[in-house]
């Protein structure tokens, strides 16, 4: 039996929002090209509403390997703001919740397989 090639359901749970302002920004990448901040190279990028301290985003995508960057986009500008030292001013997180030190994790550390019919993942936001 051949693997399904149609859209699979990807359910992304994002938790740890500290503010009710803005949106839950999600960027979904299929390769390291542009990862994690060049939204022009993302397979999907978009703001998503949330309430309380968590968001649930449901996407329909082909099966494959994806890395997800999540952002507590409090000001709705769709990118990571940083202070003068380069430290993020917004909550952020990545699929697989890898340890984050001075730079974002590699695409490979954040990539996860998406299979049909449904794949679920949870991203815990970090604040610096």
N, C-alpha and C. Protein backbone atom coordinates (compact mmCIF):
# COMPACT_ATOMS: atom_id res chain seq x y z
N UNK A 1 0.84 -1.19 0.00
CA UNK A 1 0.00 0.00 0.00
C UNK A 1 0.88 1.24 0.00
N UNK A 2 0.60 2.17 -0.87
CA UNK A 2 1.38 3.40 -0.99
C UNK A 2 1.03 4.36 0.14
N UNK A 3 2.01 5.17 0.53
CA UNK A 3 1.78 6.19 1.57
C UNK A 3 0.86 7.27 1.00
N UNK A 4 -0.04 7.80 1.82
CA UNK A 4 -0.93 8.85 1.33
C UNK A 4 -0.14 10.10 0.95
N UNK A 5 -0.55 10.75 -0.14
CA UNK A 5 0.15 11.95 -0.57
C UNK A 5 -0.69 13.20 -0.39
N UNK A 6 -1.94 13.03 0.02
CA UNK A 6 -2.82 14.18 0.23
C UNK A 6 -2.48 14.90 1.52
N UNK A 7 -3.26 15.91 1.83
CA UNK A 7 -2.97 16.68 3.03
C UNK A 7 -3.17 15.87 4.32
N UNK A 8 -2.25 16.07 5.23
CA UNK A 8 -2.34 15.52 6.58
C UNK A 8 -2.73 16.66 7.51
N UNK A 9 -3.29 16.33 8.63
CA UNK A 9 -3.62 17.34 9.62
C UNK A 9 -2.47 17.45 10.60
N UNK A 10 -1.96 18.67 10.75
CA UNK A 10 -0.90 18.97 11.72
C UNK A 10 -1.51 19.88 12.78
N UNK A 11 -1.53 19.40 14.00
CA UNK A 11 -2.07 20.19 15.11
C UNK A 11 -0.92 20.63 15.99
N UNK A 12 -0.76 21.95 16.11
CA UNK A 12 0.35 22.53 16.86
C UNK A 12 -0.21 23.17 18.12
N UNK A 13 0.21 22.68 19.26
CA UNK A 13 -0.16 23.27 20.55
C UNK A 13 1.00 24.17 20.98
N UNK A 14 0.71 25.41 21.29
CA UNK A 14 1.74 26.34 21.77
C UNK A 14 1.30 26.81 23.14
N UNK A 15 2.17 26.65 24.14
CA UNK A 15 1.80 27.09 25.48
C UNK A 15 2.85 28.01 26.08
N UNK A 16 2.46 28.73 27.13
CA UNK A 16 3.38 29.60 27.84
C UNK A 16 3.26 31.07 27.50
N UNK A 17 2.17 31.49 26.84
CA UNK A 17 2.00 32.91 26.55
C UNK A 17 1.91 33.70 27.86
N UNK A 18 2.61 34.80 27.94
CA UNK A 18 2.59 35.65 29.14
C UNK A 18 1.68 36.85 29.00
N UNK A 19 1.23 37.14 27.80
CA UNK A 19 0.41 38.32 27.53
C UNK A 19 -0.74 37.92 26.63
N UNK A 20 -1.83 38.64 26.74
CA UNK A 20 -2.98 38.40 25.86
C UNK A 20 -2.92 39.26 24.61
N UNK A 21 -1.86 40.04 24.44
CA UNK A 21 -1.72 40.91 23.28
C UNK A 21 -1.20 40.15 22.09
N UNK A 22 -1.64 40.55 20.90
CA UNK A 22 -1.07 40.04 19.66
C UNK A 22 -1.59 38.68 19.26
N UNK A 23 -0.75 37.96 18.54
CA UNK A 23 -1.09 36.68 17.94
C UNK A 23 -0.03 35.64 18.26
N UNK A 24 -0.39 34.40 17.97
CA UNK A 24 0.57 33.31 17.99
C UNK A 24 1.11 33.19 16.57
N UNK A 25 2.34 33.60 16.35
CA UNK A 25 2.93 33.51 15.02
C UNK A 25 3.53 32.13 14.82
N UNK A 26 3.24 31.52 13.68
CA UNK A 26 3.77 30.20 13.36
C UNK A 26 4.43 30.27 11.98
N UNK A 27 5.64 29.73 11.90
CA UNK A 27 6.33 29.58 10.61
C UNK A 27 6.72 28.12 10.47
N UNK A 28 6.34 27.54 9.35
CA UNK A 28 6.58 26.13 9.08
C UNK A 28 7.55 26.03 7.91
N UNK A 29 8.68 25.36 8.12
CA UNK A 29 9.72 25.25 7.11
C UNK A 29 9.90 23.80 6.67
N UNK A 30 10.22 23.61 5.38
CA UNK A 30 10.49 22.28 4.85
C UNK A 30 11.98 22.02 4.66
N UNK A 31 12.81 23.06 4.87
CA UNK A 31 14.25 22.90 4.73
C UNK A 31 14.95 23.96 5.58
N UNK A 32 16.26 23.86 5.64
CA UNK A 32 17.05 24.83 6.41
C UNK A 32 17.11 26.18 5.72
N UNK A 33 16.73 26.25 4.46
CA UNK A 33 16.76 27.50 3.71
C UNK A 33 15.78 28.51 4.34
N UNK A 34 16.32 29.55 4.95
CA UNK A 34 15.50 30.57 5.59
C UNK A 34 15.16 30.31 7.04
N UNK A 35 15.43 29.12 7.52
CA UNK A 35 15.10 28.74 8.91
C UNK A 35 15.86 29.60 9.89
N UNK A 36 15.29 30.09 10.96
CA UNK A 36 13.87 30.05 11.34
C UNK A 36 13.14 31.38 11.15
N UNK A 37 13.81 32.40 10.60
CA UNK A 37 13.20 33.73 10.63
C UNK A 37 12.83 34.33 9.28
N UNK A 38 13.24 33.74 8.18
CA UNK A 38 12.90 34.32 6.88
C UNK A 38 11.54 33.79 6.45
N UNK A 39 10.50 34.51 6.83
CA UNK A 39 9.13 34.06 6.56
C UNK A 39 8.83 33.96 5.07
N UNK A 40 9.59 34.67 4.23
CA UNK A 40 9.39 34.56 2.79
C UNK A 40 9.75 33.17 2.26
N UNK A 41 10.58 32.44 3.00
CA UNK A 41 10.98 31.11 2.58
C UNK A 41 10.24 30.01 3.33
N UNK A 42 9.34 30.39 4.21
CA UNK A 42 8.56 29.41 4.97
C UNK A 42 7.51 28.77 4.08
N UNK A 43 7.23 27.51 4.33
CA UNK A 43 6.14 26.81 3.64
C UNK A 43 4.81 27.43 4.03
N UNK A 44 4.70 27.79 5.31
CA UNK A 44 3.52 28.47 5.84
C UNK A 44 3.98 29.47 6.88
N UNK A 45 3.35 30.62 6.88
CA UNK A 45 3.59 31.62 7.93
C UNK A 45 2.29 32.35 8.15
N UNK A 46 1.94 32.51 9.42
CA UNK A 46 0.73 33.27 9.68
C UNK A 46 0.48 33.53 11.14
N UNK A 47 -0.25 34.60 11.38
CA UNK A 47 -0.69 34.89 12.75
C UNK A 47 -1.91 34.04 13.08
N UNK A 48 -2.03 33.65 14.33
CA UNK A 48 -3.14 32.83 14.78
C UNK A 48 -3.65 33.37 16.10
N UNK A 49 -4.95 33.46 16.26
CA UNK A 49 -5.48 33.95 17.53
C UNK A 49 -5.24 32.93 18.65
N UNK A 50 -5.24 33.41 19.87
CA UNK A 50 -5.12 32.52 21.03
C UNK A 50 -5.85 33.16 22.19
N UNK A 51 -6.09 32.36 23.21
CA UNK A 51 -6.67 32.90 24.44
C UNK A 51 -6.03 32.21 25.62
N UNK A 52 -5.98 32.91 26.73
CA UNK A 52 -5.32 32.35 27.90
C UNK A 52 -3.83 32.26 27.70
N UNK A 53 -3.27 31.14 28.05
CA UNK A 53 -1.82 30.96 27.94
C UNK A 53 -1.43 30.01 26.82
N UNK A 54 -2.40 29.60 25.98
CA UNK A 54 -2.07 28.63 24.95
C UNK A 54 -2.83 28.88 23.65
N UNK A 55 -2.32 28.27 22.60
CA UNK A 55 -2.95 28.33 21.28
C UNK A 55 -2.94 26.94 20.68
N UNK A 56 -3.93 26.67 19.85
CA UNK A 56 -3.97 25.44 19.07
C UNK A 56 -4.15 25.85 17.62
N UNK A 57 -3.18 25.48 16.78
CA UNK A 57 -3.20 25.83 15.37
C UNK A 57 -3.31 24.53 14.58
N UNK A 58 -4.27 24.47 13.69
CA UNK A 58 -4.46 23.28 12.86
C UNK A 58 -4.16 23.65 11.41
N UNK A 59 -3.25 22.90 10.81
CA UNK A 59 -2.86 23.11 9.42
C UNK A 59 -3.07 21.81 8.64
N UNK A 60 -3.27 21.94 7.34
CA UNK A 60 -3.38 20.79 6.46
C UNK A 60 -2.21 20.87 5.48
N UNK A 61 -1.31 19.91 5.59
CA UNK A 61 -0.06 19.94 4.83
C UNK A 61 0.22 18.56 4.24
N UNK A 62 1.03 18.50 3.19
CA UNK A 62 1.43 17.19 2.68
C UNK A 62 2.31 16.48 3.72
N UNK A 63 2.32 15.15 3.71
CA UNK A 63 3.23 14.45 4.62
C UNK A 63 4.67 14.85 4.30
N UNK A 64 5.49 14.90 5.33
CA UNK A 64 6.89 15.27 5.12
C UNK A 64 7.55 15.63 6.43
N UNK A 65 8.67 16.27 6.31
CA UNK A 65 9.48 16.67 7.46
C UNK A 65 9.44 18.19 7.55
N UNK A 66 9.03 18.70 8.71
CA UNK A 66 8.85 20.13 8.90
C UNK A 66 9.50 20.57 10.21
N UNK A 67 9.99 21.80 10.24
CA UNK A 67 10.44 22.43 11.48
C UNK A 67 9.53 23.64 11.69
N UNK A 68 9.15 23.86 12.95
CA UNK A 68 8.20 24.91 13.28
C UNK A 68 8.84 25.90 14.23
N UNK A 69 8.69 27.18 13.91
CA UNK A 69 9.08 28.26 14.82
C UNK A 69 7.80 28.94 15.28
N UNK A 70 7.68 29.15 16.59
CA UNK A 70 6.50 29.81 17.16
C UNK A 70 6.95 31.10 17.83
N UNK A 71 6.06 32.08 17.82
CA UNK A 71 6.38 33.40 18.34
C UNK A 71 5.17 33.98 19.06
N UNK A 72 5.39 34.54 20.23
CA UNK A 72 4.35 35.32 20.90
C UNK A 72 4.46 36.73 20.31
N UNK A 73 3.74 36.96 19.25
CA UNK A 73 3.87 38.19 18.46
C UNK A 73 3.00 39.29 19.07
N UNK A 74 3.47 39.86 20.16
CA UNK A 74 2.68 40.82 20.92
C UNK A 74 2.36 42.10 20.17
N UNK A 75 3.22 42.49 19.22
CA UNK A 75 2.96 43.74 18.50
C UNK A 75 2.52 43.52 17.05
N UNK A 76 2.34 42.27 16.64
CA UNK A 76 1.81 41.97 15.33
C UNK A 76 2.71 42.32 14.15
N UNK A 77 4.02 42.43 14.38
CA UNK A 77 4.91 42.79 13.27
C UNK A 77 5.47 41.58 12.53
N UNK A 78 5.14 40.37 12.96
CA UNK A 78 5.46 39.12 12.29
C UNK A 78 6.95 38.79 12.23
N UNK A 79 7.72 39.33 13.16
CA UNK A 79 9.12 38.91 13.24
C UNK A 79 9.63 39.09 14.68
N UNK A 80 10.77 38.48 14.94
CA UNK A 80 11.37 38.54 16.27
C UNK A 80 12.03 39.88 16.50
N UNK A 81 11.62 40.55 17.55
CA UNK A 81 12.27 41.80 17.96
C UNK A 81 13.34 41.45 18.99
N UNK A 82 14.45 42.21 18.94
CA UNK A 82 15.55 41.96 19.88
C UNK A 82 15.98 43.27 20.52
N UNK A 83 16.60 43.15 21.71
CA UNK A 83 17.15 44.34 22.35
C UNK A 83 18.53 44.63 21.75
N UNK A 84 19.19 45.65 22.26
CA UNK A 84 20.48 46.05 21.68
C UNK A 84 21.57 44.98 21.81
N UNK A 85 21.36 44.00 22.68
CA UNK A 85 22.32 42.91 22.86
C UNK A 85 21.95 41.68 22.02
N UNK A 86 20.87 41.78 21.24
CA UNK A 86 20.44 40.68 20.40
C UNK A 86 19.55 39.66 21.09
N UNK A 87 19.13 39.97 22.31
CA UNK A 87 18.28 39.04 23.06
C UNK A 87 16.82 39.27 22.66
N UNK A 88 16.09 38.19 22.36
CA UNK A 88 14.70 38.33 21.94
C UNK A 88 13.82 39.04 22.97
N UNK A 89 12.94 39.90 22.45
CA UNK A 89 11.99 40.63 23.29
C UNK A 89 10.62 39.95 23.34
N UNK A 90 10.47 38.86 22.64
CA UNK A 90 9.19 38.15 22.57
C UNK A 90 9.40 36.70 22.97
N UNK A 91 8.32 36.05 23.37
CA UNK A 91 8.38 34.61 23.61
C UNK A 91 8.56 33.88 22.29
N UNK A 92 9.31 32.80 22.32
CA UNK A 92 9.57 32.02 21.11
C UNK A 92 9.73 30.56 21.48
N UNK A 93 9.60 29.71 20.49
CA UNK A 93 9.79 28.28 20.71
C UNK A 93 9.91 27.56 19.38
N UNK A 94 10.33 26.30 19.45
CA UNK A 94 10.57 25.52 18.26
C UNK A 94 10.02 24.11 18.45
N UNK A 95 9.65 23.49 17.33
CA UNK A 95 9.22 22.10 17.41
C UNK A 95 10.32 21.25 18.02
N UNK A 96 9.94 20.23 18.73
CA UNK A 96 10.82 19.33 19.49
C UNK A 96 11.38 19.98 20.75
N UNK A 97 11.09 21.26 20.98
CA UNK A 97 11.54 21.98 22.18
C UNK A 97 13.02 21.76 22.49
N UNK A 98 13.90 21.97 21.50
CA UNK A 98 15.34 21.79 21.76
C UNK A 98 15.85 22.88 22.71
N UNK A 99 16.95 22.59 23.36
CA UNK A 99 17.58 23.59 24.22
C UNK A 99 18.07 24.74 23.34
N UNK A 100 17.83 25.96 23.81
CA UNK A 100 18.21 27.14 23.05
C UNK A 100 19.19 27.94 23.89
N UNK A 101 20.34 28.22 23.32
CA UNK A 101 21.34 29.01 24.03
C UNK A 101 21.45 30.38 23.35
N UNK A 102 22.48 30.65 22.62
CA UNK A 102 22.67 31.95 22.01
C UNK A 102 22.07 32.07 20.61
N UNK A 103 21.82 30.95 19.97
CA UNK A 103 21.26 30.97 18.63
C UNK A 103 20.10 29.97 18.55
N UNK A 104 19.34 30.11 17.50
CA UNK A 104 18.25 29.17 17.26
C UNK A 104 18.81 27.78 16.98
N UNK A 105 18.04 26.75 17.26
CA UNK A 105 18.50 25.40 16.93
C UNK A 105 18.56 25.21 15.42
N UNK A 106 19.29 24.22 14.99
CA UNK A 106 19.36 23.91 13.57
C UNK A 106 18.00 23.40 13.10
N UNK A 107 17.80 23.45 11.80
CA UNK A 107 16.58 22.89 11.21
C UNK A 107 16.44 21.43 11.61
N UNK A 108 17.53 20.67 11.55
CA UNK A 108 17.47 19.24 11.85
C UNK A 108 17.05 18.95 13.29
N UNK A 109 17.48 19.79 14.24
CA UNK A 109 17.08 19.58 15.64
C UNK A 109 15.60 19.86 15.87
N UNK A 110 15.03 20.75 15.05
CA UNK A 110 13.64 21.12 15.22
C UNK A 110 12.70 20.33 14.30
N UNK A 111 13.23 19.67 13.30
CA UNK A 111 12.38 18.99 12.31
C UNK A 111 11.68 17.77 12.90
N UNK A 112 10.44 17.60 12.48
CA UNK A 112 9.66 16.44 12.91
C UNK A 112 8.88 15.89 11.73
N UNK A 113 8.63 14.57 11.75
CA UNK A 113 7.86 13.99 10.65
C UNK A 113 6.38 14.28 10.82
N UNK A 114 5.73 14.65 9.74
CA UNK A 114 4.29 14.82 9.73
C UNK A 114 3.73 13.71 8.87
N UNK A 115 2.87 12.88 9.47
CA UNK A 115 2.27 11.75 8.79
C UNK A 115 0.75 11.85 8.86
N UNK A 116 0.11 11.20 7.92
CA UNK A 116 -1.35 11.17 7.89
C UNK A 116 -1.85 10.02 8.76
N UNK A 117 -3.01 10.14 9.33
CA UNK A 117 -3.94 11.23 9.10
C UNK A 117 -3.67 12.47 9.97
N UNK A 118 -3.09 12.27 11.18
CA UNK A 118 -2.92 13.41 12.10
C UNK A 118 -1.58 13.31 12.80
N UNK A 119 -0.89 14.44 12.91
CA UNK A 119 0.31 14.57 13.74
C UNK A 119 0.08 15.73 14.68
N UNK A 120 0.40 15.53 15.96
CA UNK A 120 0.29 16.60 16.95
C UNK A 120 1.65 16.86 17.56
N UNK A 121 1.90 18.12 17.90
CA UNK A 121 3.13 18.50 18.57
C UNK A 121 2.84 19.65 19.51
N UNK A 122 3.66 19.79 20.54
CA UNK A 122 3.52 20.88 21.50
C UNK A 122 4.82 21.67 21.55
N UNK A 123 4.68 23.00 21.50
CA UNK A 123 5.83 23.90 21.60
C UNK A 123 5.66 24.72 22.86
N UNK A 124 6.69 24.72 23.71
CA UNK A 124 6.68 25.51 24.94
C UNK A 124 7.45 26.80 24.67
N UNK A 125 6.79 27.95 24.86
CA UNK A 125 7.44 29.22 24.62
C UNK A 125 8.51 29.50 25.68
N UNK A 126 9.58 30.15 25.25
CA UNK A 126 10.67 30.59 26.13
C UNK A 126 10.71 32.10 26.13
N UNK A 127 11.08 32.67 27.23
CA UNK A 127 11.27 34.12 27.34
C UNK A 127 12.65 34.35 27.90
N UNK A 128 13.37 35.32 27.36
CA UNK A 128 14.73 35.64 27.83
C UNK A 128 14.74 36.98 28.50
